[in-house]
Amino acid sequence: MSGGLKGADVLFFVLLDIALILVAARTVGRTFERIGQPRVVGEIVAGILLGPTILGFQIAAVTNASWLRCEAARSFVPPGGPPPAQPPPPTLTECLFPAQSRSVLAIIGSLALALFMFLVGSQLDTDRLRGLWPSISVASVLAVGIPIAAAFAITPVLFTDRFAATDVPRLAFTAYIAAILAVTAFPVMVRILQELGMDRTKMGGVGIASAAVITVLMFLLLNVANGIKQERGATSLLATLAMTVLYVGVMLFVVRPLLAGRANALIGPDGTIGMAAIVWLVVLVAASCVISDRLGLGPIVGGFLAGVALPRTAGLGPQLDARLQPITVGVMLPIFLAFSGLNTNLRLLGWAWMPGIVALLVAAIACKWLSGLVGGRLTGMTWAEGNLLGVLFNCRGLLVLVVALAALQQKAITPQLQAAAVLVALVTTMMTGPLAAWAGGKLTESRIEEGAAS
């Protein structure tokens, strides 16, 4: 490593960047809430506003300011990286968010995702899912299998130098597209079902649990894509799959019973969880994330499984949510969303990219809606229930940003396809609220008609 900012300067920019991100996320997030959209949509947009899409231009009076140290920041060379070429003048985004600061923001964002998924997993009521696993299995397989088929269908349109990296194998590229299409925003689904009062119905239970299973399967699919890209053999991929199954089994059938036996010890005499218990649970999250990361699943799955392993007695989940959510969701998560926006340049997209973007967006909506509709019917739901399930499956939230960033960092896709994935995240997430209200209304009408007929 050579060049770049010194330690004190890196700290300065990290603190400055966090302040800028939180102000933008809070302002834009509240604006989107006022128009009936989830806060996460506004926070994604806030990240884009701070990135090269909006700030990718030069203002000499700013970029030449000595306190920004733009040239010093751009002289940074990561280990093993090429020597710096003669770059164009620095942009506002490059000056305000230098590479060394972004690397710290990426770490904070990964920690935020792990803790966020831990809280999500801790809220999953697994006791209510007993007897529903056949339905959950069918819905989950369809919700991943249909996107895989859709990925093969649209790969001929996308596998060009506009969207695919020059040396990526076609099969690996298809697997990355399949992972992007397979994403379902588990947390958003839970919240919408709770708002509709359907989280404790069969449809709600199947939908929530299926979204959890889809998340694990999606990361397995991403791991397969990475393996093909890195030319790992089938034996290596099968070994990873076997280790993943073992890891999930240990978390559910060993760690969870052990924690259940210690549940009362985690709660203090006043009935609340103590600081020591929180520390040990964070240690559990970190250990689980290390294992899942080494398996190629990323820290997100590790955090989620640590939450699922948490005992459902003594009110641990709600107490942890009350203690950790403000800092995790309010402060740390917007940093990840901003980091994604800093790597997104929508100005790179032109009319030549439109056919591929439309194909990706249409496939993303159709395959998840169809999987919910068909999966619902095959598991004994009505058409109205399957329709609502498909609407909720279609919501991508922030996880599609994780997949797209992973593919971009693996040099499997172009920045234009990563930007297109951000558009998919925005469009599918923004359409979920209105469509869920419509589908929920249709479901209520059908139940009223059934009651009148009986």
Protein backbone atom coordinates (compact mmCIF):
# COMPACT_ATOMS: atom_id res chain seq x y z
CA MET A 1 0.00 0.00 0.00
CA SER A 2 1.38 3.42 -0.91
CA GLY A 3 0.25 7.01 -1.09
CA GLY A 4 -3.10 8.12 0.16
CA LEU A 5 -4.24 9.85 3.32
CA LYS A 6 -2.55 9.55 6.69
CA GLY A 7 -4.29 7.99 9.69
CA ALA A 8 -5.63 11.23 11.16
CA ASP A 9 -6.95 12.33 7.78
CA VAL A 10 -8.69 8.99 7.23
CA LEU A 11 -10.44 9.35 10.59
CA PHE A 12 -11.47 12.88 9.68
CA PHE A 13 -13.09 11.74 6.43
CA VAL A 14 -14.78 8.73 8.04
CA LEU A 15 -16.41 11.01 10.61
CA LEU A 16 -17.30 13.61 7.96
CA ASP A 17 -18.78 10.94 5.70
CA ILE A 18 -20.86 9.41 8.48
CA ALA A 19 -22.28 12.85 9.28
CA LEU A 20 -23.11 13.53 5.62
CA ILE A 21 -24.70 10.09 5.20
CA LEU A 22 -26.87 10.33 8.30
CA VAL A 23 -28.12 13.82 7.43
CA ALA A 24 -28.98 12.75 3.88
CA ALA A 25 -30.52 9.44 4.98
CA ARG A 26 -32.64 11.08 7.67
CA THR A 27 -33.84 13.89 5.40
CA VAL A 28 -34.61 11.81 2.31
CA GLY A 29 -35.92 8.86 4.34
CA ARG A 30 -38.49 11.01 6.16
CA THR A 31 -39.51 12.60 2.84
CA PHE A 32 -40.25 9.18 1.37
CA GLU A 33 -42.16 8.15 4.49
CA ARG A 34 -44.43 11.16 4.05
CA ILE A 35 -45.42 9.95 0.57
CA GLY A 36 -46.20 6.46 1.84
CA GLN A 37 -42.96 4.69 0.92
CA PRO A 38 -40.68 2.65 3.23
CA ARG A 39 -37.85 4.64 4.78
CA VAL A 40 -35.34 2.22 3.21
CA VAL A 41 -36.29 3.48 -0.26
CA GLY A 42 -35.41 7.03 0.75
CA GLU A 43 -32.15 5.86 2.30
CA ILE A 44 -31.18 4.08 -0.92
CA VAL A 45 -31.96 7.27 -2.84
CA ALA A 46 -29.91 9.27 -0.32
CA GLY A 47 -26.90 7.07 -1.09
CA ILE A 48 -27.38 7.65 -4.81
CA LEU A 49 -27.59 11.41 -4.25
CA LEU A 50 -24.19 11.34 -2.53
CA GLY A 51 -22.64 9.18 -5.25
CA PRO A 52 -21.35 9.92 -8.75
CA THR A 53 -24.88 10.01 -10.19
CA ILE A 54 -25.36 13.49 -8.68
CA LEU A 55 -21.95 14.55 -7.37
CA GLY A 56 -19.82 13.06 -10.14
CA PHE A 57 -18.63 16.43 -11.45
CA GLN A 58 -15.85 18.87 -10.67
CA ILE A 59 -16.09 22.19 -8.86
CA ALA A 60 -12.59 23.59 -8.80
CA ALA A 61 -13.23 25.81 -5.79
CA VAL A 62 -14.11 22.68 -3.81
CA THR A 63 -11.95 19.96 -5.30
CA ASN A 64 -8.87 22.17 -5.14
CA ALA A 65 -9.46 23.07 -1.49
CA SER A 66 -6.43 22.11 0.56
CA TRP A 67 -8.46 20.74 3.48
CA LEU A 68 -10.08 18.11 1.24
CA ARG A 69 -6.67 16.74 0.14
CA CYS A 70 -8.22 15.32 -3.05
CA GLU A 71 -4.95 14.57 -4.81
CA ALA A 72 -3.47 12.83 -1.76
CA ALA A 73 -6.58 10.69 -1.43
CA ARG A 74 -6.47 9.69 -5.10
CA SER A 75 -2.81 8.65 -4.84
CA PHE A 76 -3.79 5.73 -2.61
CA VAL A 77 -2.80 2.35 -4.09
CA PRO A 78 -4.24 -0.76 -2.40
CA PRO A 79 -1.97 -3.77 -1.85
CA GLY A 80 -1.28 -5.43 -5.18
CA GLY A 81 -3.03 -2.65 -7.06
CA PRO A 82 -1.73 -1.04 -10.23
CA PRO A 83 0.23 2.20 -10.05
CA PRO A 84 -1.97 5.29 -10.39
CA ALA A 85 -2.53 6.47 -13.94
CA GLN A 86 -3.03 10.08 -14.93
CA PRO A 87 -6.67 10.47 -13.82
CA PRO A 88 -9.10 13.22 -14.79
CA PRO A 89 -9.75 15.99 -12.26
CA PRO A 90 -11.34 14.69 -9.04
CA THR A 91 -15.09 14.80 -8.62
CA LEU A 92 -17.01 15.92 -5.55
CA THR A 93 -17.82 12.31 -4.64
CA GLU A 94 -14.16 11.30 -4.87
CA CYS A 95 -13.09 14.21 -2.68
CA LEU A 96 -15.78 13.85 -0.04
CA PHE A 97 -15.67 10.04 0.03
CA PRO A 98 -12.05 8.98 -0.63
CA ALA A 99 -11.21 5.31 -1.17
CA GLN A 100 -9.67 4.82 2.27
CA SER A 101 -12.76 6.22 3.96
CA ARG A 102 -15.03 4.05 1.81
CA SER A 103 -13.21 0.91 2.95
CA VAL A 104 -14.07 1.77 6.56
CA LEU A 105 -17.66 2.55 5.59
CA ALA A 106 -17.88 -0.86 3.89
CA ILE A 107 -16.84 -2.58 7.12
CA ILE A 108 -19.38 -0.61 9.16
CA GLY A 109 -22.04 -1.48 6.57
CA SER A 110 -21.25 -5.20 6.80
CA LEU A 111 -21.52 -5.07 10.59
CA ALA A 112 -24.83 -3.24 10.26
CA LEU A 113 -26.24 -5.90 7.95
CA ALA A 114 -25.14 -8.71 10.29
CA LEU A 115 -26.76 -7.06 13.34
CA PHE A 116 -29.85 -6.13 11.37
CA MET A 117 -30.36 -9.71 10.20
CA PHE A 118 -29.73 -10.91 13.77
CA LEU A 119 -32.64 -8.77 14.93
CA VAL A 120 -34.79 -10.01 12.03
CA GLY A 121 -33.99 -13.64 12.88
CA SER A 122 -34.74 -13.06 16.55
CA GLN A 123 -38.26 -11.91 15.63
CA LEU A 124 -39.09 -15.01 13.57
CA ASP A 125 -41.72 -16.96 15.50
CA THR A 126 -40.57 -20.49 14.67
CA ASP A 127 -43.08 -22.10 17.05
CA ARG A 128 -45.96 -21.07 14.78
CA LEU A 129 -44.30 -22.72 11.78
CA ARG A 130 -44.70 -26.27 13.05
CA GLY A 131 -46.75 -28.25 10.56
CA LEU A 132 -46.20 -25.68 7.81
CA TRP A 133 -42.80 -26.88 6.60
CA PRO A 134 -44.12 -28.85 3.59
CA SER A 135 -45.84 -25.68 2.37
CA ILE A 136 -42.80 -23.57 3.20
CA SER A 137 -40.52 -25.94 1.26
CA VAL A 138 -42.71 -25.83 -1.86
CA ALA A 139 -43.03 -22.04 -1.78
CA SER A 140 -39.29 -21.53 -1.15
CA VAL A 141 -38.16 -23.87 -3.93
CA LEU A 142 -40.48 -22.19 -6.43
CA ALA A 143 -39.42 -18.70 -5.27
CA VAL A 144 -35.82 -19.59 -6.12
CA GLY A 145 -36.33 -22.10 -8.94
CA ILE A 146 -38.46 -19.80 -11.11
CA PRO A 147 -35.92 -16.93 -10.88
CA ILE A 148 -33.17 -19.37 -11.89
CA ALA A 149 -35.21 -20.34 -14.97
CA ALA A 150 -35.86 -16.65 -15.69
CA ALA A 151 -32.13 -15.92 -15.45
CA PHE A 152 -31.40 -18.50 -18.14
CA ALA A 153 -34.17 -16.94 -20.25
CA ILE A 154 -32.80 -13.38 -20.14
CA THR A 155 -29.07 -14.16 -20.16
CA PRO A 156 -28.94 -13.98 -24.00
CA VAL A 157 -30.07 -10.35 -23.73
CA LEU A 158 -27.71 -9.43 -20.89
CA PHE A 159 -24.58 -11.43 -21.72
CA THR A 160 -22.90 -8.63 -23.69
CA ASP A 161 -20.03 -6.28 -22.98
CA ARG A 162 -22.59 -3.74 -21.73
CA PHE A 163 -23.52 -5.86 -18.70
CA ALA A 164 -21.05 -8.76 -18.37
CA ALA A 165 -17.36 -8.48 -17.51
CA THR A 166 -15.03 -9.57 -20.30
CA ASP A 167 -13.73 -12.79 -18.71
CA VAL A 168 -16.76 -14.00 -16.73
CA PRO A 169 -18.05 -17.47 -17.74
CA ARG A 170 -21.58 -17.43 -19.10
CA LEU A 171 -22.79 -19.90 -16.44
CA ALA A 172 -21.34 -17.78 -13.61
CA PHE A 173 -22.96 -14.66 -15.04
CA THR A 174 -26.30 -16.47 -15.24
CA ALA A 175 -25.95 -17.56 -11.61
CA TYR A 176 -25.34 -13.95 -10.54
CA ILE A 177 -28.45 -12.84 -12.45
CA ALA A 178 -30.41 -15.66 -10.81
CA ALA A 179 -29.27 -14.49 -7.37
CA ILE A 180 -30.38 -10.93 -8.16
CA LEU A 181 -33.78 -12.17 -9.32
CA ALA A 182 -34.20 -14.54 -6.36
CA VAL A 183 -33.93 -11.88 -3.66
CA THR A 184 -36.93 -11.28 -1.42
CA ALA A 185 -36.90 -8.55 1.23
CA PHE A 186 -37.65 -10.61 4.30
CA PRO A 187 -37.87 -7.69 6.79
CA VAL A 188 -40.19 -5.65 4.54
CA MET A 189 -42.48 -8.67 4.12
CA VAL A 190 -42.75 -9.12 7.89
CA ARG A 191 -43.61 -5.46 8.42
CA ILE A 192 -46.28 -5.34 5.70
CA LEU A 193 -47.95 -8.54 6.91
CA GLN A 194 -48.01 -7.13 10.44
CA GLU A 195 -49.60 -3.91 9.19
CA LEU A 196 -52.25 -5.94 7.32
CA GLY A 197 -52.87 -8.08 10.41
CA MET A 198 -52.00 -11.24 8.46
CA ASP A 199 -48.69 -12.23 10.01
CA ARG A 200 -50.37 -14.94 12.11
CA THR A 201 -52.38 -16.50 9.27
CA LYS A 202 -51.22 -19.56 7.36
CA MET A 203 -50.37 -17.36 4.38
CA GLY A 204 -48.39 -15.01 6.61
CA GLY A 205 -46.50 -17.81 8.33
CA VAL A 206 -45.65 -19.54 5.05
CA GLY A 207 -44.63 -16.24 3.47
CA ILE A 208 -42.38 -15.11 6.33
CA ALA A 209 -40.66 -18.48 6.73
CA SER A 210 -40.29 -18.88 2.95
CA ALA A 211 -38.63 -15.48 2.72
CA ALA A 212 -36.17 -16.59 5.41
CA VAL A 213 -35.38 -19.82 3.53
CA ILE A 214 -35.13 -17.89 0.25
CA THR A 215 -32.51 -15.62 1.83
CA VAL A 216 -30.31 -18.60 2.73
CA LEU A 217 -30.83 -20.24 -0.69
CA MET A 218 -30.08 -16.96 -2.46
CA PHE A 219 -26.73 -16.66 -0.71
CA LEU A 220 -25.97 -20.29 -1.56
CA LEU A 221 -26.70 -19.40 -5.18
CA LEU A 222 -24.38 -16.41 -4.89
CA ASN A 223 -21.71 -18.71 -3.47
CA VAL A 224 -22.15 -21.06 -6.44
CA ALA A 225 -21.76 -18.09 -8.80
CA ASN A 226 -18.54 -17.08 -7.04
CA GLY A 227 -17.29 -20.67 -7.23
CA ILE A 228 -17.90 -20.86 -10.99
CA LYS A 229 -16.29 -17.44 -11.49
CA GLN A 230 -13.23 -18.52 -9.48
CA GLU A 231 -13.16 -21.87 -11.34
CA ARG A 232 -13.65 -23.96 -8.23
CA GLY A 233 -14.52 -27.54 -9.09
CA ALA A 234 -17.76 -29.36 -8.41
CA THR A 235 -16.15 -31.19 -5.50
CA SER A 236 -15.35 -27.89 -3.79
CA LEU A 237 -18.87 -26.59 -4.33
CA LEU A 238 -20.43 -29.79 -2.97
CA ALA A 239 -18.12 -29.67 0.04
CA THR A 240 -19.21 -26.08 0.70
CA LEU A 241 -22.86 -27.12 0.43
CA ALA A 242 -22.30 -29.99 2.89
CA MET A 243 -20.54 -27.68 5.34
CA THR A 244 -23.38 -25.18 5.01
CA VAL A 245 -25.97 -27.83 5.83
CA LEU A 246 -23.86 -28.90 8.83
CA TYR A 247 -23.50 -25.30 9.99
CA VAL A 248 -27.25 -24.63 9.76
CA GLY A 249 -27.95 -27.89 11.59
CA VAL A 250 -25.56 -27.04 14.42
CA MET A 251 -27.09 -23.58 14.85
CA LEU A 252 -30.65 -24.93 14.95
CA PHE A 253 -30.25 -28.23 16.77
CA VAL A 254 -27.24 -27.65 19.03
CA VAL A 255 -26.77 -23.93 19.70
CA ARG A 256 -30.48 -23.16 19.98
CA PRO A 257 -31.20 -25.83 22.64
CA LEU A 258 -28.11 -24.75 24.58
CA LEU A 259 -29.28 -21.14 24.57
CA ALA A 260 -32.80 -22.21 25.54
CA GLY A 261 -31.35 -23.89 28.63
CA ARG A 262 -29.61 -20.65 29.55
CA ALA A 263 -32.48 -18.30 28.70
CA ASN A 264 -33.28 -17.41 32.29
CA ALA A 265 -29.62 -16.61 32.97
CA LEU A 266 -29.73 -13.95 30.24
CA ILE A 267 -32.47 -12.04 32.03
CA GLY A 268 -31.69 -10.01 35.13
CA PRO A 269 -33.71 -9.91 38.37
CA ASP A 270 -35.68 -6.94 37.07
CA GLY A 271 -36.85 -8.93 34.05
CA THR A 272 -34.67 -7.10 31.53
CA ILE A 273 -31.66 -8.27 29.56
CA GLY A 274 -28.38 -7.08 31.03
CA MET A 275 -25.31 -5.62 29.39
CA ALA A 276 -23.28 -8.79 29.94
CA ALA A 277 -25.92 -10.86 28.15
CA ILE A 278 -25.96 -8.46 25.21
CA VAL A 279 -22.16 -8.69 24.96
CA TRP A 280 -22.23 -12.50 24.89
CA LEU A 281 -25.00 -12.52 22.30
CA VAL A 282 -22.97 -10.15 20.12
CA VAL A 283 -20.07 -12.60 20.50
CA LEU A 284 -22.43 -15.32 19.25
CA VAL A 285 -23.38 -13.16 16.27
CA ALA A 286 -19.72 -12.48 15.46
CA ALA A 287 -18.77 -16.17 15.68
CA SER A 288 -21.70 -17.19 13.49
CA CYS A 289 -20.80 -14.50 10.96
CA VAL A 290 -17.18 -15.67 10.82
CA ILE A 291 -18.31 -19.20 9.96
CA SER A 292 -20.87 -18.12 7.37
CA ASP A 293 -18.37 -15.73 5.80
CA ARG A 294 -15.73 -18.48 5.54
CA LEU A 295 -18.35 -20.67 3.86
CA GLY A 296 -18.91 -17.94 1.28
CA LEU A 297 -22.39 -17.05 2.51
CA GLY A 298 -21.38 -13.64 3.84
CA PRO A 299 -21.99 -12.31 7.34
CA ILE A 300 -25.68 -11.69 6.67
CA VAL A 301 -26.65 -15.37 6.88
CA GLY A 302 -24.55 -15.76 10.03
CA GLY A 303 -26.34 -12.90 11.73
CA PHE A 304 -29.74 -14.22 10.71
CA LEU A 305 -29.07 -17.76 11.97
CA ALA A 306 -27.76 -16.40 15.27
CA GLY A 307 -31.08 -14.60 15.66
CA VAL A 308 -33.07 -17.73 14.79
CA ALA A 309 -31.07 -19.66 17.42
CA LEU A 310 -32.10 -17.18 20.10
CA PRO A 311 -34.61 -18.58 22.63
CA ARG A 312 -38.18 -17.36 22.14
CA THR A 313 -38.82 -17.39 25.90
CA ALA A 314 -38.31 -14.57 28.38
CA GLY A 315 -38.95 -11.90 25.75
CA LEU A 316 -35.34 -11.81 24.57
CA GLY A 317 -36.18 -10.90 20.97
CA PRO A 318 -38.30 -7.82 21.70
CA GLN A 319 -35.83 -6.60 24.34
CA LEU A 320 -32.87 -6.94 21.99
CA ASP A 321 -34.83 -5.21 19.26
CA ALA A 322 -35.58 -2.30 21.60
CA ARG A 323 -31.94 -2.02 22.69
CA LEU A 324 -30.12 -2.57 19.38
CA GLN A 325 -32.50 -1.38 16.67
CA PRO A 326 -32.00 2.39 17.09
CA ILE A 327 -28.24 2.24 16.54
CA THR A 328 -28.41 -0.59 13.97
CA VAL A 329 -31.28 0.61 11.80
CA GLY A 330 -31.10 4.32 12.51
CA VAL A 331 -27.32 4.83 12.30
CA MET A 332 -25.40 1.87 10.89
CA LEU A 333 -27.70 0.56 8.16
CA PRO A 334 -27.89 3.87 6.25
CA ILE A 335 -24.10 3.70 5.98
CA PHE A 336 -24.35 0.45 3.99
CA LEU A 337 -27.06 1.91 1.76
CA ALA A 338 -24.94 4.99 1.16
CA PHE A 339 -21.92 2.80 0.35
CA SER A 340 -24.00 1.08 -2.31
CA GLY A 341 -25.03 4.47 -3.69
CA LEU A 342 -21.41 5.60 -3.81
CA ASN A 343 -20.74 2.66 -6.14
CA THR A 344 -23.77 3.42 -8.31
CA ASN A 345 -23.59 5.79 -11.25
CA LEU A 346 -26.94 5.96 -13.04
CA ARG A 347 -25.42 8.41 -15.53
CA LEU A 348 -23.59 5.46 -17.08
CA LEU A 349 -26.91 4.15 -18.35
CA GLY A 350 -28.03 5.25 -21.81
CA TRP A 351 -30.58 4.16 -24.38
CA ALA A 352 -28.29 1.35 -25.51
CA TRP A 353 -28.72 -0.27 -22.07
CA MET A 354 -32.52 0.08 -21.96
CA PRO A 355 -33.45 -3.33 -23.52
CA GLY A 356 -31.34 -5.16 -20.94
CA ILE A 357 -32.62 -3.04 -18.04
CA VAL A 358 -36.24 -3.58 -19.09
CA ALA A 359 -35.63 -7.32 -19.47
CA LEU A 360 -34.09 -7.49 -15.98
CA LEU A 361 -36.89 -5.47 -14.39
CA VAL A 362 -39.72 -7.37 -16.11
CA ALA A 363 -38.13 -10.72 -15.24
CA ALA A 364 -37.60 -9.62 -11.63
CA ILE A 365 -41.26 -8.69 -11.19
CA ALA A 366 -42.78 -11.56 -13.17
CA CYS A 367 -40.77 -14.43 -11.72
CA LYS A 368 -41.37 -13.53 -8.06
CA TRP A 369 -45.04 -12.68 -8.53
CA LEU A 370 -45.55 -15.95 -10.42
CA SER A 371 -43.66 -17.96 -7.79
CA GLY A 372 -45.88 -16.57 -5.02
CA LEU A 373 -49.06 -17.12 -6.99
CA VAL A 374 -48.21 -20.70 -8.02
CA GLY A 375 -46.60 -21.55 -4.68
CA GLY A 376 -49.66 -20.29 -2.85
CA ARG A 377 -52.05 -22.38 -4.90
CA LEU A 378 -49.90 -25.52 -4.58
CA THR A 379 -49.89 -25.14 -0.80
CA GLY A 380 -53.65 -24.79 -0.48
CA MET A 381 -54.03 -21.01 -0.50
CA THR A 382 -56.69 -19.13 -2.46
CA TRP A 383 -55.84 -17.14 -5.58
CA ALA A 384 -56.17 -13.93 -3.55
CA GLU A 385 -53.73 -15.20 -0.91
CA GLY A 386 -51.28 -16.36 -3.58
CA ASN A 387 -51.56 -12.97 -5.28
CA LEU A 388 -50.63 -11.17 -2.06
CA LEU A 389 -47.78 -13.62 -1.47
CA GLY A 390 -46.45 -12.91 -4.96
CA VAL A 391 -46.61 -9.16 -4.37
CA LEU A 392 -44.60 -9.54 -1.17
CA PHE A 393 -42.07 -11.94 -2.73
CA ASN A 394 -41.44 -9.30 -5.41
CA CYS A 395 -40.12 -6.75 -2.91
CA ARG A 396 -36.30 -6.65 -3.07
CA GLY A 397 -35.37 -4.10 -0.40
CA LEU A 398 -31.68 -3.76 0.35
CA LEU A 399 -30.52 -7.37 -0.13
CA VAL A 400 -30.39 -7.03 -3.92
CA LEU A 401 -27.81 -4.29 -3.36
CA VAL A 402 -25.69 -6.81 -1.45
CA VAL A 403 -25.81 -9.29 -4.32
CA ALA A 404 -25.08 -6.68 -6.99
CA LEU A 405 -22.14 -5.27 -5.03
CA ALA A 406 -20.74 -8.77 -4.52
CA ALA A 407 -20.97 -9.48 -8.25
CA LEU A 408 -19.36 -6.13 -9.07
CA GLN A 409 -16.51 -6.74 -6.61
CA GLN A 410 -15.96 -10.19 -8.17
CA LYS A 411 -15.58 -8.41 -11.53
CA ALA A 412 -18.44 -10.49 -12.93
CA ILE A 413 -20.75 -7.65 -13.96
CA THR A 414 -20.27 -4.10 -15.20
CA PRO A 415 -21.08 -0.97 -13.19
CA GLN A 416 -24.05 -0.49 -15.53
CA LEU A 417 -25.62 -3.79 -14.46
CA GLN A 418 -24.99 -2.94 -10.82
CA ALA A 419 -26.80 0.37 -11.41
CA ALA A 420 -29.64 -1.54 -13.09
CA ALA A 421 -29.91 -3.78 -10.01
CA VAL A 422 -30.28 -0.64 -7.87
CA LEU A 423 -33.17 0.42 -10.11
CA VAL A 424 -34.73 -3.02 -9.60
CA ALA A 425 -34.42 -2.56 -5.84
CA LEU A 426 -36.05 0.86 -5.97
CA VAL A 427 -38.89 -0.01 -8.34
CA THR A 428 -39.87 -3.32 -6.75
CA THR A 429 -39.68 -1.92 -3.22
CA MET A 430 -41.68 1.20 -4.08
CA MET A 431 -44.43 -0.79 -5.79
CA THR A 432 -44.83 -3.22 -2.88
CA GLY A 433 -46.75 -0.93 -0.51
CA PRO A 434 -49.51 0.14 -2.93
CA LEU A 435 -49.81 -3.33 -4.48
CA ALA A 436 -49.89 -5.02 -1.05
CA ALA A 437 -52.72 -2.69 0.00
CA TRP A 438 -54.60 -3.55 -3.21
CA ALA A 439 -53.95 -7.29 -2.90
CA GLY A 440 -54.86 -7.21 0.80
CA GLY A 441 -58.12 -5.50 -0.08
CA LYS A 442 -58.89 -8.15 -2.69
CA LEU A 443 -58.14 -10.84 -0.10
CA THR A 444 -60.52 -9.24 2.39
CA GLU A 445 -63.24 -8.98 -0.27
CA SER A 446 -62.84 -12.65 -1.19
CA ARG A 447 -63.12 -13.68 2.46
CA ILE A 448 -66.28 -11.59 2.88
CA GLU A 449 -67.79 -13.20 -0.23
CA GLU A 450 -66.85 -16.68 1.06
CA GLY A 451 -68.47 -15.89 4.42
CA ALA A 452 -71.65 -14.65 2.76
CA ALA A 453 -71.80 -17.72 0.52
CA SER A 454 -71.46 -20.08 3.47
